[in-house]
């Protein structure tokens, strides 16, 4: 049985990852590709603690958040029932956001990058995406989307914080030697327009892909 593909969608908050994961999963399933759409943090104990930190019920240093994300991700890859590695081995394609970049690109922007790379090294060694799609939008557009759709102020709110987040993504791609598996896609425009741009770079990963 051919192993499933692992497609990761990344981008600064407000880039539209969540809606595009749904669109891509539906398109692949319409082609007969078995899919699992997944997001982090997961529903286990570590993921629940991360959510409590985000809501303010628990306080934690950003370095702790990075370590918790690394632990949650390893559980997600290997230790949970039907972890992602097992799912891929069954020939199921996984479409995910926030792979091993989120712990610093979203929530630990002020943490030393060397420390964060170390915290994420194990999960990066366990599994790397077949393809990472980075949805690139102007920082001003992303911030406007956040303000329209969020009722809780984000830790990284502000154009400069989002701009720095984008820089950290690309530093991570370089330092974790994933640049060749990253496709940068323009995330501006209507959701349908963005979905077609994403499909143009993902379709070659699937032998059954319809170029139209």
N, C-alpha and C. Protein backbone atom coordinates (compact mmCIF):
# COMPACT_ATOMS: atom_id res chain seq x y z
N UNK A 1 0.84 -1.20 0.00
CA UNK A 1 0.00 0.00 0.00
C UNK A 1 0.88 1.26 0.00
N UNK A 2 0.56 2.19 -0.87
CA UNK A 2 1.33 3.43 -0.93
C UNK A 2 1.04 4.29 0.29
N UNK A 3 2.08 4.86 0.85
CA UNK A 3 1.92 5.71 2.02
C UNK A 3 1.17 6.98 1.66
N UNK A 4 0.36 7.46 2.60
CA UNK A 4 -0.38 8.69 2.36
C UNK A 4 0.54 9.90 2.31
N UNK A 5 0.06 10.97 1.69
CA UNK A 5 0.80 12.21 1.62
C UNK A 5 0.53 13.06 2.87
N UNK A 6 1.51 13.84 3.26
CA UNK A 6 1.36 14.74 4.40
C UNK A 6 1.49 16.17 3.88
N UNK A 7 0.37 16.88 3.82
CA UNK A 7 0.34 18.25 3.30
C UNK A 7 0.12 19.20 4.47
N UNK A 8 1.05 20.14 4.67
CA UNK A 8 0.93 21.11 5.75
C UNK A 8 0.64 22.48 5.17
N UNK A 9 -0.34 23.16 5.75
CA UNK A 9 -0.63 24.54 5.38
C UNK A 9 -0.15 25.45 6.50
N UNK A 10 0.69 26.41 6.15
CA UNK A 10 1.26 27.33 7.12
C UNK A 10 0.97 28.76 6.71
N UNK A 11 1.30 29.69 7.59
CA UNK A 11 1.11 31.11 7.31
C UNK A 11 0.84 31.85 8.59
N UNK A 12 1.06 33.15 8.59
CA UNK A 12 0.76 33.94 9.76
C UNK A 12 -0.74 33.93 10.00
N UNK A 13 -1.15 34.21 11.22
CA UNK A 13 -2.57 34.20 11.52
C UNK A 13 -3.28 35.24 10.64
N UNK A 14 -4.47 34.87 10.17
CA UNK A 14 -5.18 35.74 9.24
C UNK A 14 -4.90 35.40 7.79
N UNK A 15 -4.10 34.36 7.54
CA UNK A 15 -3.78 33.99 6.16
C UNK A 15 -4.82 33.07 5.54
N UNK A 16 -5.72 32.51 6.37
CA UNK A 16 -6.81 31.69 5.83
C UNK A 16 -6.55 30.20 5.81
N UNK A 17 -5.64 29.72 6.67
CA UNK A 17 -5.29 28.30 6.66
C UNK A 17 -6.48 27.40 6.93
N UNK A 18 -7.24 27.71 7.97
CA UNK A 18 -8.31 26.79 8.40
C UNK A 18 -9.34 26.56 7.30
N UNK A 19 -9.80 27.64 6.66
CA UNK A 19 -10.81 27.48 5.62
C UNK A 19 -10.24 26.73 4.42
N UNK A 20 -8.96 26.95 4.10
CA UNK A 20 -8.36 26.29 2.96
C UNK A 20 -8.09 24.82 3.23
N UNK A 21 -7.84 24.46 4.47
CA UNK A 21 -7.71 23.04 4.82
C UNK A 21 -9.01 22.31 4.51
N UNK A 22 -10.14 22.92 4.89
CA UNK A 22 -11.43 22.32 4.59
C UNK A 22 -11.68 22.17 3.10
N UNK A 23 -11.35 23.19 2.35
CA UNK A 23 -11.55 23.15 0.90
C UNK A 23 -10.68 22.08 0.25
N UNK A 24 -9.41 22.03 0.66
CA UNK A 24 -8.49 21.07 0.06
C UNK A 24 -8.89 19.64 0.40
N UNK A 25 -9.27 19.41 1.65
CA UNK A 25 -9.69 18.06 2.06
C UNK A 25 -10.90 17.61 1.26
N UNK A 26 -11.88 18.50 1.09
CA UNK A 26 -13.07 18.15 0.32
C UNK A 26 -12.72 17.84 -1.13
N UNK A 27 -11.80 18.59 -1.70
CA UNK A 27 -11.42 18.36 -3.09
C UNK A 27 -10.74 17.01 -3.26
N UNK A 28 -9.83 16.70 -2.33
CA UNK A 28 -9.13 15.42 -2.42
C UNK A 28 -10.09 14.25 -2.22
N UNK A 29 -10.99 14.38 -1.25
CA UNK A 29 -11.96 13.31 -1.02
C UNK A 29 -12.86 13.12 -2.24
N UNK A 30 -13.16 14.21 -2.94
CA UNK A 30 -13.95 14.10 -4.16
C UNK A 30 -13.23 13.34 -5.26
N UNK A 31 -11.90 13.27 -5.17
CA UNK A 31 -11.09 12.49 -6.11
C UNK A 31 -10.94 11.05 -5.66
N UNK A 32 -11.48 10.74 -4.48
CA UNK A 32 -11.33 9.38 -3.96
C UNK A 32 -10.12 9.19 -3.07
N UNK A 33 -9.45 10.30 -2.67
CA UNK A 33 -8.31 10.21 -1.77
C UNK A 33 -8.81 10.23 -0.33
N UNK A 34 -8.46 9.20 0.44
CA UNK A 34 -8.86 9.19 1.85
C UNK A 34 -8.04 10.23 2.61
N UNK A 35 -8.70 11.07 3.39
CA UNK A 35 -8.04 12.20 4.04
C UNK A 35 -8.37 12.29 5.52
N UNK A 36 -7.44 12.88 6.26
CA UNK A 36 -7.66 13.27 7.64
C UNK A 36 -7.21 14.72 7.78
N UNK A 37 -8.12 15.60 8.16
CA UNK A 37 -7.76 16.99 8.43
C UNK A 37 -7.52 17.12 9.94
N UNK A 38 -6.42 17.72 10.31
CA UNK A 38 -6.08 17.80 11.73
C UNK A 38 -5.45 19.15 12.04
N UNK A 39 -5.66 19.59 13.27
CA UNK A 39 -5.12 20.87 13.72
C UNK A 39 -4.51 20.71 15.11
N UNK A 40 -3.65 21.63 15.45
CA UNK A 40 -3.05 21.64 16.79
C UNK A 40 -3.47 22.92 17.50
N UNK A 41 -3.49 22.93 18.85
CA UNK A 41 -3.17 21.82 19.73
C UNK A 41 -4.23 20.73 19.68
N UNK A 42 -3.82 19.51 20.02
CA UNK A 42 -4.71 18.37 19.96
C UNK A 42 -5.59 18.30 21.21
N UNK A 43 -6.40 17.25 21.29
CA UNK A 43 -7.36 17.16 22.38
C UNK A 43 -6.85 16.45 23.62
N UNK A 44 -5.57 16.04 23.62
CA UNK A 44 -5.01 15.34 24.77
C UNK A 44 -4.70 16.27 25.92
N UNK A 45 -4.10 15.74 26.99
CA UNK A 45 -3.80 16.55 28.19
C UNK A 45 -2.91 17.75 27.91
N UNK A 46 -1.87 17.56 27.09
CA UNK A 46 -0.98 18.68 26.80
C UNK A 46 -1.69 19.74 25.97
N UNK A 47 -2.46 19.30 24.99
CA UNK A 47 -3.21 20.24 24.18
C UNK A 47 -4.22 21.02 25.01
N UNK A 48 -4.85 20.36 25.96
CA UNK A 48 -5.81 21.04 26.83
C UNK A 48 -5.12 22.10 27.68
N UNK A 49 -3.91 21.78 28.14
CA UNK A 49 -3.15 22.76 28.93
C UNK A 49 -2.77 23.97 28.08
N UNK A 50 -2.38 23.72 26.82
CA UNK A 50 -2.05 24.83 25.93
C UNK A 50 -3.26 25.75 25.76
N UNK A 51 -4.43 25.17 25.60
CA UNK A 51 -5.64 25.99 25.44
C UNK A 51 -5.92 26.82 26.69
N UNK A 52 -5.66 26.25 27.85
CA UNK A 52 -5.86 26.99 29.10
C UNK A 52 -4.90 28.18 29.19
N UNK A 53 -3.69 27.99 28.67
CA UNK A 53 -2.73 29.09 28.65
C UNK A 53 -3.23 30.20 27.73
N UNK A 54 -3.75 29.83 26.56
CA UNK A 54 -4.23 30.83 25.60
C UNK A 54 -5.41 31.62 26.13
N UNK A 55 -6.27 30.98 26.94
CA UNK A 55 -7.44 31.67 27.47
C UNK A 55 -7.13 32.44 28.74
N UNK A 56 -5.90 32.33 29.25
CA UNK A 56 -5.53 33.07 30.44
C UNK A 56 -5.81 32.36 31.74
N UNK A 57 -6.37 31.16 31.68
CA UNK A 57 -6.66 30.41 32.91
C UNK A 57 -5.38 29.90 33.56
N UNK A 58 -4.33 29.72 32.75
CA UNK A 58 -3.02 29.30 33.25
C UNK A 58 -1.99 30.23 32.63
N UNK A 59 -1.02 30.68 33.41
CA UNK A 59 0.02 31.54 32.88
C UNK A 59 1.30 30.72 32.68
N UNK A 60 2.05 31.06 31.62
CA UNK A 60 3.28 30.32 31.33
C UNK A 60 4.22 31.21 30.54
N UNK A 61 5.51 31.01 30.75
CA UNK A 61 6.54 31.67 29.98
C UNK A 61 6.49 31.17 28.53
N UNK A 62 6.79 32.02 27.56
CA UNK A 62 6.77 31.57 26.16
C UNK A 62 7.62 30.34 25.88
N UNK A 63 8.76 30.20 26.60
CA UNK A 63 9.58 29.02 26.40
C UNK A 63 8.84 27.75 26.80
N UNK A 64 8.00 27.87 27.81
CA UNK A 64 7.20 26.71 28.23
C UNK A 64 6.18 26.36 27.15
N UNK A 65 5.59 27.39 26.55
CA UNK A 65 4.62 27.13 25.49
C UNK A 65 5.28 26.39 24.33
N UNK A 66 6.49 26.80 23.97
CA UNK A 66 7.21 26.12 22.89
C UNK A 66 7.44 24.66 23.23
N UNK A 67 7.87 24.39 24.46
CA UNK A 67 8.11 23.01 24.87
C UNK A 67 6.82 22.20 24.88
N UNK A 68 5.73 22.81 25.35
CA UNK A 68 4.44 22.11 25.37
C UNK A 68 3.99 21.78 23.94
N UNK A 69 4.18 22.71 23.01
CA UNK A 69 3.80 22.44 21.63
C UNK A 69 4.61 21.29 21.06
N UNK A 70 5.91 21.25 21.39
CA UNK A 70 6.75 20.15 20.90
C UNK A 70 6.25 18.82 21.46
N UNK A 71 5.91 18.79 22.77
CA UNK A 71 5.40 17.56 23.38
C UNK A 71 4.06 17.15 22.77
N UNK A 72 3.18 18.12 22.56
CA UNK A 72 1.87 17.83 21.98
C UNK A 72 2.02 17.29 20.56
N UNK A 73 2.97 17.84 19.83
CA UNK A 73 3.17 17.42 18.45
C UNK A 73 3.70 15.99 18.37
N UNK A 74 4.62 15.65 19.26
CA UNK A 74 5.15 14.29 19.26
C UNK A 74 4.04 13.29 19.58
N UNK A 75 3.18 13.63 20.56
CA UNK A 75 2.02 12.77 20.84
C UNK A 75 1.17 12.60 19.58
N UNK A 76 0.96 13.71 18.89
CA UNK A 76 0.11 13.70 17.70
C UNK A 76 0.72 12.84 16.60
N UNK A 77 2.03 12.88 16.48
CA UNK A 77 2.70 12.12 15.43
C UNK A 77 2.75 10.63 15.72
N UNK A 78 2.98 10.28 16.99
CA UNK A 78 3.34 8.90 17.30
C UNK A 78 2.45 8.26 18.36
N UNK A 79 2.23 8.92 19.46
CA UNK A 79 1.73 8.24 20.65
C UNK A 79 0.22 8.16 20.78
N UNK A 80 -0.50 9.08 20.15
CA UNK A 80 -1.96 9.01 20.23
C UNK A 80 -2.45 7.79 19.46
N UNK A 81 -3.66 7.33 19.81
CA UNK A 81 -4.27 6.24 19.05
C UNK A 81 -4.38 6.69 17.59
N UNK A 82 -3.88 5.85 16.69
CA UNK A 82 -3.84 6.22 15.28
C UNK A 82 -3.14 7.55 15.07
N UNK A 83 -1.96 7.70 15.66
CA UNK A 83 -1.15 8.90 15.45
C UNK A 83 -0.88 9.12 13.96
N UNK A 84 -0.42 10.28 13.60
CA UNK A 84 -0.29 10.64 12.19
C UNK A 84 0.61 9.68 11.42
N UNK A 85 1.69 9.22 12.05
CA UNK A 85 2.57 8.29 11.34
C UNK A 85 1.81 7.02 10.97
N UNK A 86 0.99 6.52 11.90
CA UNK A 86 0.20 5.31 11.63
C UNK A 86 -0.86 5.57 10.56
N UNK A 87 -1.46 6.75 10.61
CA UNK A 87 -2.48 7.10 9.61
C UNK A 87 -1.87 7.14 8.22
N UNK A 88 -0.71 7.75 8.09
CA UNK A 88 -0.03 7.83 6.79
C UNK A 88 0.36 6.45 6.29
N UNK A 89 0.78 5.57 7.21
CA UNK A 89 1.15 4.21 6.82
C UNK A 89 -0.04 3.43 6.26
N UNK A 90 -1.26 3.84 6.63
CA UNK A 90 -2.47 3.19 6.11
C UNK A 90 -2.88 3.74 4.75
N UNK A 91 -2.10 4.65 4.21
CA UNK A 91 -2.42 5.21 2.90
C UNK A 91 -3.36 6.40 2.96
N UNK A 92 -3.60 6.92 4.16
CA UNK A 92 -4.49 8.07 4.32
C UNK A 92 -3.67 9.36 4.24
N UNK A 93 -4.13 10.31 3.45
CA UNK A 93 -3.46 11.60 3.33
C UNK A 93 -3.86 12.49 4.49
N UNK A 94 -2.89 13.16 5.09
CA UNK A 94 -3.13 14.08 6.20
C UNK A 94 -2.96 15.51 5.71
N UNK A 95 -3.95 16.34 5.98
CA UNK A 95 -3.88 17.77 5.68
C UNK A 95 -3.91 18.49 7.03
N UNK A 96 -2.87 19.26 7.31
CA UNK A 96 -2.71 19.80 8.65
C UNK A 96 -2.23 21.25 8.60
N UNK A 97 -2.57 22.00 9.66
CA UNK A 97 -1.92 23.29 9.86
C UNK A 97 -0.98 23.16 11.05
N UNK A 98 -0.14 24.17 11.25
CA UNK A 98 0.74 24.21 12.42
C UNK A 98 1.52 22.92 12.62
N UNK A 99 2.39 22.63 11.71
CA UNK A 99 3.23 21.45 11.89
C UNK A 99 4.25 21.75 12.97
N UNK A 100 5.55 21.68 12.72
CA UNK A 100 6.49 21.92 13.80
C UNK A 100 7.00 23.35 13.83
N UNK A 101 6.34 24.27 13.15
CA UNK A 101 6.78 25.65 13.17
C UNK A 101 5.99 26.51 14.15
N UNK A 102 4.82 26.08 14.55
CA UNK A 102 3.92 26.98 15.26
C UNK A 102 4.39 27.40 16.63
N UNK A 103 5.15 26.56 17.32
CA UNK A 103 5.47 26.86 18.71
C UNK A 103 6.28 28.15 18.84
N UNK A 104 7.01 28.54 17.82
CA UNK A 104 7.69 29.83 17.91
C UNK A 104 7.10 30.85 16.96
N UNK A 105 6.67 30.42 15.77
CA UNK A 105 6.19 31.39 14.80
C UNK A 105 4.90 32.05 15.27
N UNK A 106 4.12 31.36 16.13
CA UNK A 106 2.90 31.96 16.64
C UNK A 106 3.04 32.51 18.05
N UNK A 107 3.65 31.74 18.93
CA UNK A 107 3.50 32.06 20.35
C UNK A 107 4.80 32.29 21.10
N UNK A 108 5.94 32.14 20.45
CA UNK A 108 7.20 32.30 21.16
C UNK A 108 8.16 33.17 20.37
N UNK A 109 7.65 34.25 19.84
CA UNK A 109 8.41 35.09 18.95
C UNK A 109 9.66 35.64 19.62
N UNK A 110 9.60 35.87 20.93
CA UNK A 110 10.72 36.48 21.63
C UNK A 110 11.68 35.45 22.22
N UNK A 111 11.45 34.17 21.96
CA UNK A 111 12.32 33.12 22.47
C UNK A 111 13.51 32.94 21.54
N UNK A 112 14.68 32.66 22.10
CA UNK A 112 15.88 32.43 21.31
C UNK A 112 15.63 31.31 20.30
N UNK A 113 15.95 31.57 19.04
CA UNK A 113 15.62 30.63 17.97
C UNK A 113 16.37 29.31 18.12
N UNK A 114 17.61 29.36 18.63
CA UNK A 114 18.36 28.12 18.82
C UNK A 114 17.62 27.18 19.77
N UNK A 115 17.08 27.75 20.84
CA UNK A 115 16.34 26.93 21.81
C UNK A 115 15.10 26.32 21.19
N UNK A 116 14.41 27.12 20.37
CA UNK A 116 13.17 26.64 19.78
C UNK A 116 13.44 25.53 18.76
N UNK A 117 14.47 25.68 17.95
CA UNK A 117 14.83 24.63 17.00
C UNK A 117 15.12 23.34 17.75
N UNK A 118 15.82 23.43 18.86
CA UNK A 118 16.12 22.24 19.65
C UNK A 118 14.84 21.61 20.18
N UNK A 119 13.90 22.44 20.64
CA UNK A 119 12.65 21.93 21.19
C UNK A 119 11.82 21.21 20.14
N UNK A 120 12.00 21.58 18.90
CA UNK A 120 11.20 21.00 17.82
C UNK A 120 11.93 19.94 17.00
N UNK A 121 13.20 19.70 17.35
CA UNK A 121 14.03 18.84 16.50
C UNK A 121 13.50 17.41 16.42
N UNK A 122 12.99 16.88 17.53
CA UNK A 122 12.55 15.48 17.52
C UNK A 122 11.36 15.28 16.59
N UNK A 123 10.36 16.15 16.69
CA UNK A 123 9.20 15.99 15.82
C UNK A 123 9.59 16.20 14.36
N UNK A 124 10.53 17.12 14.10
CA UNK A 124 10.98 17.33 12.73
C UNK A 124 11.67 16.08 12.20
N UNK A 125 12.37 15.36 13.09
CA UNK A 125 13.04 14.14 12.66
C UNK A 125 12.09 12.98 12.44
N UNK A 126 10.96 12.99 13.16
CA UNK A 126 10.00 11.90 13.04
C UNK A 126 9.21 11.97 11.73
N UNK A 127 8.85 13.16 11.33
CA UNK A 127 7.99 13.30 10.16
C UNK A 127 8.13 14.68 9.56
N UNK A 128 8.32 14.72 8.27
CA UNK A 128 8.34 15.99 7.55
C UNK A 128 7.24 15.97 6.48
N UNK A 129 6.67 17.12 6.19
CA UNK A 129 5.60 17.15 5.18
C UNK A 129 6.08 16.75 3.80
N UNK A 130 5.18 16.11 3.03
CA UNK A 130 5.43 15.91 1.61
C UNK A 130 5.59 17.27 0.94
N UNK A 131 4.72 18.19 1.33
CA UNK A 131 4.75 19.55 0.81
C UNK A 131 4.18 20.48 1.86
N UNK A 132 4.83 21.60 2.07
CA UNK A 132 4.30 22.66 2.93
C UNK A 132 3.88 23.82 2.04
N UNK A 133 2.63 24.25 2.18
CA UNK A 133 2.13 25.42 1.46
C UNK A 133 2.10 26.58 2.44
N UNK A 134 2.85 27.62 2.14
CA UNK A 134 2.85 28.81 2.97
C UNK A 134 1.97 29.86 2.31
N UNK A 135 0.84 30.17 2.96
CA UNK A 135 -0.09 31.18 2.43
C UNK A 135 0.45 32.56 2.81
N UNK A 136 0.87 33.30 1.82
CA UNK A 136 1.52 34.58 2.05
C UNK A 136 0.53 35.71 1.80
N UNK A 137 0.26 36.49 2.82
CA UNK A 137 -0.63 37.65 2.68
C UNK A 137 0.08 38.86 3.25
N UNK A 138 -0.26 40.06 2.76
CA UNK A 138 0.30 41.28 3.36
C UNK A 138 -0.06 41.32 4.85
N UNK A 139 0.88 41.78 5.65
CA UNK A 139 0.66 41.84 7.10
C UNK A 139 -0.58 42.67 7.43
N UNK A 140 -0.78 43.76 6.69
CA UNK A 140 -1.94 44.61 6.96
C UNK A 140 -3.24 43.86 6.72
N UNK A 141 -3.26 43.03 5.68
CA UNK A 141 -4.46 42.23 5.38
C UNK A 141 -4.71 41.21 6.48
N UNK A 142 -3.65 40.55 6.93
CA UNK A 142 -3.79 39.55 7.99
C UNK A 142 -4.32 40.18 9.27
N UNK A 143 -3.79 41.33 9.63
CA UNK A 143 -4.22 41.98 10.87
C UNK A 143 -5.68 42.41 10.78
N UNK A 144 -6.09 42.89 9.62
CA UNK A 144 -7.48 43.28 9.44
C UNK A 144 -8.41 42.07 9.59
N UNK A 145 -8.02 40.94 9.03
CA UNK A 145 -8.82 39.72 9.16
C UNK A 145 -8.91 39.29 10.62
N UNK A 146 -7.80 39.39 11.36
CA UNK A 146 -7.82 39.03 12.78
C UNK A 146 -8.82 39.91 13.52
N UNK A 147 -8.78 41.20 13.26
CA UNK A 147 -9.67 42.13 13.97
C UNK A 147 -11.13 41.90 13.64
N UNK A 148 -11.40 41.41 12.44
CA UNK A 148 -12.78 41.15 12.04
C UNK A 148 -13.33 39.87 12.65
N UNK A 149 -12.46 38.91 12.93
CA UNK A 149 -12.92 37.57 13.30
C UNK A 149 -12.59 37.14 14.72
N UNK A 150 -11.85 37.92 15.47
CA UNK A 150 -11.45 37.51 16.80
C UNK A 150 -12.03 38.45 17.86
N UNK A 151 -12.49 37.88 18.94
CA UNK A 151 -12.99 38.69 20.04
C UNK A 151 -11.97 38.78 21.16
N UNK A 152 -10.96 37.91 21.14
CA UNK A 152 -9.92 37.91 22.16
C UNK A 152 -8.63 38.43 21.53
N UNK A 153 -7.97 39.36 22.21
CA UNK A 153 -6.73 39.91 21.66
C UNK A 153 -5.67 38.82 21.58
N UNK A 154 -5.00 38.74 20.45
CA UNK A 154 -3.97 37.73 20.24
C UNK A 154 -2.65 38.19 20.84
N UNK A 155 -1.82 37.21 21.24
CA UNK A 155 -0.52 37.54 21.82
C UNK A 155 0.33 38.31 20.82
N UNK A 156 0.19 37.96 19.55
CA UNK A 156 1.05 38.54 18.53
C UNK A 156 0.37 39.67 17.79
N UNK A 157 -0.69 40.23 18.35
CA UNK A 157 -1.42 41.29 17.67
C UNK A 157 -0.48 42.45 17.35
N UNK A 158 -0.63 43.00 16.17
CA UNK A 158 0.20 44.12 15.74
C UNK A 158 0.99 43.76 14.50
N UNK A 159 1.13 44.73 13.60
CA UNK A 159 1.78 44.46 12.32
C UNK A 159 3.22 44.01 12.49
N UNK A 160 3.96 44.64 13.39
CA UNK A 160 5.37 44.27 13.54
C UNK A 160 5.51 42.85 14.04
N UNK A 161 4.63 42.44 14.97
CA UNK A 161 4.69 41.07 15.47
C UNK A 161 4.39 40.07 14.35
N UNK A 162 3.39 40.35 13.53
CA UNK A 162 3.07 39.46 12.43
C UNK A 162 4.20 39.43 11.40
N UNK A 163 4.81 40.57 11.16
CA UNK A 163 5.93 40.62 10.22
C UNK A 163 7.09 39.77 10.72
N UNK A 164 7.38 39.87 12.01
CA UNK A 164 8.46 39.07 12.58
C UNK A 164 8.11 37.58 12.55
N UNK A 165 6.84 37.26 12.77
CA UNK A 165 6.40 35.87 12.70
C UNK A 165 6.69 35.29 11.33
N UNK A 166 6.37 36.06 10.28
CA UNK A 166 6.64 35.59 8.92
C UNK A 166 8.13 35.32 8.72
N UNK A 167 8.98 36.21 9.22
CA UNK A 167 10.42 36.02 9.10
C UNK A 167 10.87 34.74 9.78
N UNK A 168 10.29 34.44 10.94
CA UNK A 168 10.68 33.24 11.68
C UNK A 168 10.28 31.97 10.94
N UNK A 169 9.14 32.00 10.27
CA UNK A 169 8.77 30.84 9.46
C UNK A 169 9.88 30.50 8.47
N UNK A 170 10.34 31.50 7.74
CA UNK A 170 11.31 31.24 6.69
C UNK A 170 12.69 30.91 7.27
N UNK A 171 13.00 31.46 8.43
CA UNK A 171 14.23 31.04 9.10
C UNK A 171 14.12 29.57 9.50
N UNK A 172 12.94 29.16 9.97
CA UNK A 172 12.74 27.76 10.35
C UNK A 172 12.83 26.84 9.14
N UNK A 173 12.19 27.21 8.04
CA UNK A 173 12.28 26.39 6.83
C UNK A 173 13.74 26.17 6.45
N UNK A 174 14.55 27.23 6.56
CA UNK A 174 15.95 27.14 6.19
C UNK A 174 16.73 26.26 7.18
N UNK A 175 16.56 26.52 8.47
CA UNK A 175 17.37 25.82 9.46
C UNK A 175 16.98 24.36 9.63
N UNK A 176 15.73 24.04 9.34
CA UNK A 176 15.29 22.64 9.41
C UNK A 176 15.38 21.97 8.04
N UNK A 177 16.03 22.65 7.09
CA UNK A 177 16.32 22.10 5.77
C UNK A 177 15.07 21.62 5.04
N UNK A 178 14.04 22.45 5.09
CA UNK A 178 12.78 22.12 4.43
C UNK A 178 12.45 23.04 3.27
N UNK A 179 13.37 23.93 2.91
CA UNK A 179 13.07 24.94 1.89
C UNK A 179 12.58 24.30 0.60
N UNK A 180 13.17 23.17 0.22
CA UNK A 180 12.79 22.54 -1.06
C UNK A 180 11.40 21.95 -1.03
N UNK A 181 10.81 21.80 0.16
CA UNK A 181 9.45 21.26 0.27
C UNK A 181 8.43 22.34 0.60
N UNK A 182 8.79 23.60 0.43
CA UNK A 182 7.89 24.71 0.75
C UNK A 182 7.48 25.42 -0.53
N UNK A 183 6.17 25.55 -0.73
CA UNK A 183 5.63 26.32 -1.85
C UNK A 183 4.95 27.57 -1.29
N UNK A 184 5.42 28.74 -1.67
CA UNK A 184 4.83 29.99 -1.21
C UNK A 184 3.70 30.37 -2.18
N UNK A 185 2.49 30.51 -1.62
CA UNK A 185 1.31 30.79 -2.44
C UNK A 185 0.69 32.11 -2.00
N UNK A 186 0.31 32.93 -2.96
CA UNK A 186 -0.35 34.21 -2.67
C UNK A 186 -1.69 33.94 -2.01
N UNK A 187 -1.85 34.40 -0.77
CA UNK A 187 -3.09 34.18 -0.03
C UNK A 187 -4.09 35.31 -0.15
N UNK A 188 -3.81 36.28 -1.03
CA UNK A 188 -4.74 37.39 -1.23
C UNK A 188 -5.84 37.00 -2.21
N UNK A 189 -6.93 37.73 -2.17
CA UNK A 189 -8.03 37.45 -3.10
C UNK A 189 -9.14 36.66 -2.44
N UNK A 190 -10.07 36.17 -3.26
CA UNK A 190 -11.21 35.42 -2.72
C UNK A 190 -10.75 34.03 -2.29
N UNK A 191 -11.49 33.38 -1.38
CA UNK A 191 -11.14 32.01 -1.00
C UNK A 191 -11.04 31.06 -2.18
N UNK A 192 -11.92 31.22 -3.18
CA UNK A 192 -11.87 30.35 -4.36
C UNK A 192 -10.58 30.57 -5.15
N UNK A 193 -10.17 31.83 -5.29
CA UNK A 193 -8.94 32.12 -6.02
C UNK A 193 -7.73 31.52 -5.31
N UNK A 194 -7.71 31.65 -3.99
CA UNK A 194 -6.59 31.09 -3.21
C UNK A 194 -6.59 29.57 -3.31
N UNK A 195 -7.78 28.97 -3.25
CA UNK A 195 -7.87 27.51 -3.34
C UNK A 195 -7.30 27.00 -4.65
N UNK A 196 -7.54 27.71 -5.74
CA UNK A 196 -7.01 27.28 -7.03
C UNK A 196 -5.49 27.41 -7.09
N UNK A 197 -4.95 28.44 -6.44
CA UNK A 197 -3.49 28.58 -6.40
C UNK A 197 -2.87 27.44 -5.59
N UNK A 198 -3.52 27.10 -4.49
CA UNK A 198 -3.03 25.99 -3.67
C UNK A 198 -3.07 24.69 -4.46
N UNK A 199 -4.18 24.47 -5.16
CA UNK A 199 -4.32 23.24 -5.93
C UNK A 199 -3.25 23.12 -7.01
N UNK A 200 -2.88 24.25 -7.59
CA UNK A 200 -1.88 24.22 -8.66
C UNK A 200 -0.55 23.67 -8.18
N UNK A 201 -0.20 23.92 -6.91
CA UNK A 201 1.09 23.42 -6.42
C UNK A 201 0.96 22.03 -5.77
N UNK A 202 -0.26 21.67 -5.35
CA UNK A 202 -0.45 20.38 -4.67
C UNK A 202 -0.78 19.26 -5.65
N UNK A 203 -1.48 19.56 -6.71
CA UNK A 203 -1.95 18.53 -7.65
C UNK A 203 -0.85 17.57 -8.10
N UNK A 204 0.38 18.05 -8.39
CA UNK A 204 1.42 17.11 -8.83
C UNK A 204 1.78 16.04 -7.80
N UNK A 205 1.42 16.26 -6.53
CA UNK A 205 1.72 15.26 -5.49
C UNK A 205 0.82 14.04 -5.59
N UNK A 206 -0.26 14.14 -6.37
CA UNK A 206 -1.25 13.07 -6.43
C UNK A 206 -1.35 12.54 -7.86
N UNK A 207 -1.11 11.28 -8.02
CA UNK A 207 -1.10 10.67 -9.36
C UNK A 207 -2.45 10.77 -10.04
N UNK A 208 -3.55 10.85 -9.22
CA UNK A 208 -4.89 10.93 -9.78
C UNK A 208 -5.33 12.37 -10.02
N UNK A 209 -4.43 13.31 -9.75
CA UNK A 209 -4.83 14.72 -9.82
C UNK A 209 -5.29 15.09 -11.21
N UNK A 210 -6.37 15.82 -11.26
CA UNK A 210 -6.88 16.36 -12.52
C UNK A 210 -6.28 17.74 -12.74
N UNK A 211 -5.44 17.93 -13.76
CA UNK A 211 -4.79 19.22 -13.96
C UNK A 211 -5.76 20.35 -14.17
N UNK A 212 -7.01 20.03 -14.55
CA UNK A 212 -7.99 21.10 -14.72
C UNK A 212 -8.49 21.57 -13.39
